[in-house]
Structures are given as structure tokens and as C-alpha cells.
Protein backbone atom coordinates (compact mmCIF):
# COMPACT_ATOMS: atom_id res chain seq x y z
CA UNK A 1 -7.93 30.58 -9.70
CA UNK A 2 -4.37 30.28 -10.96
CA UNK A 3 -3.57 27.06 -12.81
CA UNK A 4 -0.97 24.99 -10.90
CA UNK A 5 2.58 24.80 -12.20
CA UNK A 6 3.70 21.35 -13.31
CA UNK A 7 7.32 20.35 -13.84
CA UNK A 8 8.32 17.06 -15.48
CA UNK A 9 11.40 15.05 -14.51
CA UNK A 10 12.91 12.67 -17.06
CA UNK A 11 15.84 10.50 -15.91
CA UNK A 12 17.86 9.71 -19.02
CA UNK A 13 20.85 7.52 -19.88
CA UNK A 14 21.76 7.33 -23.55
CA UNK A 15 18.27 8.06 -24.87
CA UNK A 16 19.08 10.56 -27.63
CA UNK A 17 16.96 8.64 -30.13
CA UNK A 18 13.74 8.42 -28.10
CA UNK A 19 13.92 11.66 -26.16
CA UNK A 20 12.70 14.10 -28.87
CA UNK A 21 9.42 12.22 -29.22
CA UNK A 22 8.88 12.17 -25.46
CA UNK A 23 9.56 15.91 -25.14
CA UNK A 24 7.34 16.81 -28.09
CA UNK A 25 4.55 14.61 -26.78
CA UNK A 26 4.64 16.23 -23.35
CA UNK A 27 4.42 19.75 -24.74
CA UNK A 28 1.59 18.79 -27.07
CA UNK A 29 -0.34 17.29 -24.15
CA UNK A 30 -0.44 20.44 -22.00
CA UNK A 31 -4.00 21.59 -21.16
CA UNK A 32 -5.61 24.71 -19.64
CA UNK A 33 -6.02 22.88 -16.31
CA UNK A 34 -2.36 23.32 -15.46
CA UNK A 35 0.77 25.07 -16.69
CA UNK A 36 3.62 22.88 -17.94
CA UNK A 37 6.48 25.07 -16.75
CA UNK A 38 9.70 23.10 -17.02
CA UNK A 39 10.85 19.76 -18.34
CA UNK A 40 14.03 18.65 -16.58
CA UNK A 41 16.16 15.97 -18.21
CA UNK A 42 18.49 14.46 -15.62
CA UNK A 43 21.41 13.23 -17.70
CA UNK A 44 22.67 10.17 -15.84
CA UNK A 45 26.12 10.05 -17.43
CA UNK A 46 25.09 9.59 -21.06
CA UNK A 47 27.79 8.97 -23.65
CA UNK A 48 25.56 9.86 -26.59
CA UNK A 49 23.88 13.16 -27.53
CA UNK A 50 21.14 12.96 -24.88
CA UNK A 51 22.05 16.29 -23.25
CA UNK A 52 22.34 18.18 -26.54
CA UNK A 53 19.09 16.76 -27.88
CA UNK A 54 17.29 17.75 -24.69
CA UNK A 55 18.61 21.32 -24.77
CA UNK A 56 17.76 21.68 -28.45
CA UNK A 57 14.17 20.70 -27.63
CA UNK A 58 13.92 23.33 -24.89
CA UNK A 59 14.39 21.10 -21.85
CA UNK A 60 16.50 22.01 -18.85
CA UNK A 61 19.40 19.60 -18.48
CA UNK A 62 20.72 18.67 -15.06
CA UNK A 63 23.88 16.60 -14.74
CA UNK A 64 23.49 13.48 -12.61
CA UNK A 65 26.83 11.69 -13.13
CA UNK A 66 26.30 9.19 -10.32
CA UNK A 67 24.57 6.31 -12.07
CA UNK A 68 21.18 5.21 -10.84
CA UNK A 69 17.53 5.96 -11.57
CA UNK A 70 16.94 7.42 -8.14
CA UNK A 71 20.16 9.40 -8.30
CA UNK A 72 18.97 11.08 -11.50
CA UNK A 73 15.57 11.87 -9.97
CA UNK A 74 17.16 13.32 -6.83
CA UNK A 75 19.46 15.54 -8.90
CA UNK A 76 16.50 16.90 -10.85
CA UNK A 77 14.51 17.59 -7.69
CA UNK A 78 17.46 19.38 -6.11
CA UNK A 79 17.58 21.68 -9.13
CA UNK A 80 13.86 22.47 -8.77
CA UNK A 81 13.89 23.07 -5.03
CA UNK A 82 14.74 26.78 -5.19
CA UNK A 83 11.47 27.51 -7.02
CA UNK A 84 9.38 24.33 -6.81
CA UNK A 85 6.24 23.59 -8.81
CA UNK A 86 2.90 22.57 -7.35
CA UNK A 87 3.15 19.17 -9.03
CA UNK A 88 6.06 17.12 -10.31
CA UNK A 89 5.62 14.38 -12.90
CA UNK A 90 8.08 11.56 -13.58
CA UNK A 91 8.26 9.82 -16.95
CA UNK A 92 10.87 7.60 -18.60
CA UNK A 93 12.97 8.81 -21.52
CA UNK A 94 12.80 5.66 -23.64
CA UNK A 95 9.41 6.24 -25.27
CA UNK A 96 7.67 3.35 -23.53
CA UNK A 97 5.31 5.67 -21.64
CA UNK A 98 2.79 7.65 -23.68
CA UNK A 99 3.39 11.36 -22.97
CA UNK A 100 0.01 12.29 -24.44
CA UNK A 101 -1.49 10.90 -21.22
CA UNK A 102 0.08 13.65 -19.12
CA UNK A 103 -3.34 15.28 -18.43
CA UNK A 104 -4.79 11.94 -17.32
CA UNK A 105 -1.95 11.36 -14.86
CA UNK A 106 -2.16 14.90 -13.45
CA UNK A 107 -5.98 15.09 -13.26
CA UNK A 108 -6.47 13.24 -9.92
CA UNK A 109 -4.05 15.67 -8.24
CA UNK A 110 -6.15 18.59 -9.44
CA UNK A 111 -9.11 16.85 -7.79
CA UNK A 112 -7.36 16.38 -4.44
CA UNK A 113 -5.13 13.30 -4.63
CA UNK A 114 -1.52 13.44 -3.40
CA UNK A 115 0.13 10.75 -5.52
CA UNK A 116 -0.89 9.25 -8.88
CA UNK A 117 0.66 6.09 -10.30
CA UNK A 118 0.24 5.35 -13.97
CA UNK A 119 -0.62 1.65 -13.93
CA UNK A 120 0.57 -0.42 -16.86
CA UNK A 121 -1.27 -3.39 -15.36
CA UNK A 122 -4.61 -1.59 -15.68
CA UNK A 123 -3.88 -0.03 -19.07
CA UNK A 124 -3.11 -1.22 -22.58
CA UNK A 125 0.25 -2.89 -23.09
CA UNK A 126 1.97 -3.48 -26.39
CA UNK A 127 3.03 -7.11 -26.77
CA UNK A 128 6.49 -7.57 -25.28
CA UNK A 129 6.57 -4.15 -23.61
CA UNK A 130 6.44 -5.52 -20.07
CA UNK A 131 8.72 -8.51 -19.59
CA UNK A 132 7.62 -11.52 -17.49
CA UNK A 133 10.27 -10.58 -14.92
CA UNK A 134 8.88 -7.03 -14.64
CA UNK A 135 5.33 -8.34 -14.35
CA UNK A 136 6.38 -10.74 -11.59
CA UNK A 137 8.24 -8.01 -9.71
CA UNK A 138 5.25 -5.70 -9.90
CA UNK A 139 2.90 -8.45 -8.70
CA UNK A 140 5.18 -9.33 -5.79
CA UNK A 141 5.55 -5.70 -4.72
CA UNK A 142 1.80 -5.17 -4.99
CA UNK A 143 1.18 -8.26 -2.84
CA UNK A 144 3.61 -7.10 -0.15
CA UNK A 145 2.21 -3.57 -0.04
CA UNK A 146 -1.29 -4.98 0.23
CA UNK A 147 -0.24 -7.36 3.00
CA UNK A 148 1.71 -4.76 4.98
CA UNK A 149 -0.33 -1.61 4.33
CA UNK A 150 -3.67 -2.73 2.94
CA UNK A 151 -2.85 -0.89 -0.30
CA UNK A 152 -4.34 -1.77 -3.67
CA UNK A 153 -1.50 -0.80 -5.99
CA UNK A 154 -1.17 -2.89 -9.16
CA UNK A 155 2.11 -1.48 -10.51
CA UNK A 156 5.38 0.32 -9.81
CA UNK A 157 4.98 2.27 -13.03
CA UNK A 158 7.52 5.03 -13.74
CA UNK A 159 4.89 7.43 -15.17
CA UNK A 160 3.61 9.13 -12.03
CA UNK A 161 2.78 12.49 -10.52
CA UNK A 162 2.88 13.87 -6.99
CA UNK A 163 2.23 17.12 -5.19
CA UNK A 164 5.51 18.83 -4.38
CA UNK A 165 4.53 19.35 -0.75
CA UNK A 166 3.71 15.64 -0.41
CA UNK A 167 6.95 14.61 -2.11
CA UNK A 168 9.04 16.69 0.29
CA UNK A 169 7.34 14.97 3.23
CA UNK A 170 8.50 11.58 1.93
CA UNK A 171 12.21 12.45 2.21
CA UNK A 172 13.15 10.26 -0.73
CA UNK A 173 16.68 8.90 -0.69
CA UNK A 174 16.96 5.76 -2.84
CA UNK A 175 19.52 6.19 -5.62
CA UNK A 176 18.81 3.24 -7.89
CA UNK A 177 16.22 0.52 -8.50
CA UNK A 178 14.19 1.15 -5.36
CA UNK A 179 13.02 4.67 -6.22
CA UNK A 180 9.49 3.87 -7.37
CA UNK A 181 8.64 1.40 -4.62
CA UNK A 182 10.21 3.67 -2.00
CA UNK A 183 7.90 6.48 -3.08
CA UNK A 184 4.84 4.26 -2.84
CA UNK A 185 5.68 2.67 0.50
CA UNK A 186 6.63 6.01 2.05
CA UNK A 187 3.38 7.47 0.71
CA UNK A 188 1.45 4.65 2.39
CA UNK A 189 3.23 5.21 5.70
CA UNK A 190 2.45 8.93 5.45
CA UNK A 191 -1.19 8.12 4.65
CA UNK A 192 -1.17 10.12 1.45
CA UNK A 193 -4.17 9.94 -0.86
CA UNK A 194 -2.92 7.59 -3.60
CA UNK A 195 -4.64 6.90 -6.91
CA UNK A 196 -3.86 4.71 -9.91
CA UNK A 197 -4.87 5.54 -13.48
CA UNK A 198 -4.54 3.20 -16.48
CA UNK A 199 -1.72 4.12 -18.86
CA UNK A 200 -0.60 2.75 -22.18
CA UNK A 201 2.78 1.07 -22.29
CA UNK A 202 4.85 0.41 -25.41
CA UNK A 203 8.06 -1.35 -26.28
CA UNK A 204 10.95 1.04 -25.76
CA UNK A 205 11.93 2.98 -28.86
CA UNK A 206 15.38 1.41 -29.21
CA UNK A 207 17.97 -0.61 -27.33
CA UNK A 208 17.28 -2.58 -24.19
CA UNK A 209 16.14 -1.66 -20.73
CA UNK A 210 18.88 -0.76 -18.26
CA UNK A 211 17.05 -2.89 -15.67
CA UNK A 212 14.93 -5.58 -17.32
CA UNK A 213 17.37 -5.96 -20.21
CA UNK A 214 20.25 -7.34 -18.12
CA UNK A 215 20.61 -10.22 -15.66
CA UNK A 216 22.30 -7.88 -13.19
CA UNK A 217 19.49 -5.38 -13.54
CA UNK A 218 16.77 -7.99 -13.04
CA UNK A 219 18.27 -9.46 -9.86
CA UNK A 220 19.35 -6.06 -8.56
CA UNK A 221 15.88 -4.60 -9.03
CA UNK A 222 14.16 -7.61 -7.48
CA UNK A 223 16.36 -7.56 -4.40
CA UNK A 224 16.04 -3.80 -4.02
CA UNK A 225 12.24 -3.89 -4.21
CA UNK A 226 12.08 -6.40 -1.35
CA UNK A 227 14.75 -4.59 0.68
CA UNK A 228 13.09 -1.20 0.25
CA UNK A 229 9.62 -2.37 1.26
CA UNK A 230 11.12 -3.95 4.38
CA UNK A 231 13.29 -0.93 5.22
CA UNK A 232 10.45 1.56 4.94
CA UNK A 233 8.14 -0.73 6.91
CA UNK A 234 10.69 -0.73 9.75
CA UNK A 235 10.93 3.04 9.67
CA UNK A 236 14.10 3.41 7.59
């Protein structure tokens, strides 16, 4: 049996300092159960050396000049569509996710799941890694998904993996803060087999979060989470 191809998507905005460690950790984590084919860094308009650092480390760089987390993810997926992998993994570029857990996040897909969410709520968290605002947003989203869909998600964690075929069925379109919750709510509507695994979560390597680190980001993300859950519930 041929080992499935896995591609990793990393949305990145000014993460030249943290990115080398993330890329090295992913490559070191590859196992015989799957083939880590390509790591795509979606450069979301960085003004630092993010693109050059990624290329030097052997990653494929895709330009995603329109700002937004979802916009970067969509640009990366568009670049992969001509020769898609069996599985695509998403991980942040800031070093807060532990790339050594790549096999743990992929494993349920090899056993038959469609979507795997790396749950920071179930895993170990470094003090201060998850802000109170993020924790509240996750708890609210989890409550709404449980109330509307009967789901038992605990997190909207960015470290996640999904079968390519399942991802294409979701027809993802969100271009900013709603990307993660859109994926989960669309997966619930499509009745995909969803699994959570505990993941470690650390304080970002440097700087502040583009979302939780600003007032605009906090309110924008909170509103978008609520809007997206409602839109998908209504069939949008």
C-alpha cells in the first residue's frame, strides 16, 4: 500500500524569525506512515524576510498579497489543486504550535477520519499562550456548535488536518478570521467524521498575535466567529 502524500500549508505574515524552527520541526516529524511531500508557505504580504527564509529552507512560497488568514490558506490550496495531496495540514508560522506533533494530527486520518482538529483545550498549554479572549471565543464557538449541530469540539485550533477530497466538498471561502470555524461548521453540515487530538501550545516565538494581540483583531475575530456559524447554519 502506497503511503499517502501529505502537504502542509503555513499562512505567514512577517514570521521570518519563527518560521525556520517550524519548517525544521515538520521535516523532522515525518514518519513512514505518510510522505511529507510539500510545505507551502503562503506569504500574506510580509515586509520582512519571510519569503526568502521559507525558500532557503526548501518550502514552496505562494504569494497571497490580499491580507487575511483565510486568503492565505485559499491561495496555498489553489496552488496545490493541479496535483493535490491525499491530506493537507494547516499549521501557524509563529512557533506556537508544536510541529513535532504532525504524526499525531495526521494519524486519525490514516485510520479513517475526515477532519482532525488539534485541540489546545485538551492539550498542554504554556502559561500565557492562549489569551483569556481566545479561550472565551473558543468556548463560545464550541457551545454554539454543540447547540446547533450536537458537536463536541473544544477548540478552533489552527493546527489541523483534513482529507483533500473532504476539503474540496466544503467549498471554503472565508478570507479572514472565520476560516477555522467555517471549516468546522461546514464539516458538521457535511457530516464528515471529525476528531480532536490534544496538542501542545506555546507562546509565540516573537511579536504579538495578528488577531489576539490587537483590539481590532479581537473584536473582528469574535464577530466573524458568530457571523460564520450563523451563515453556514443558514446554508451560506
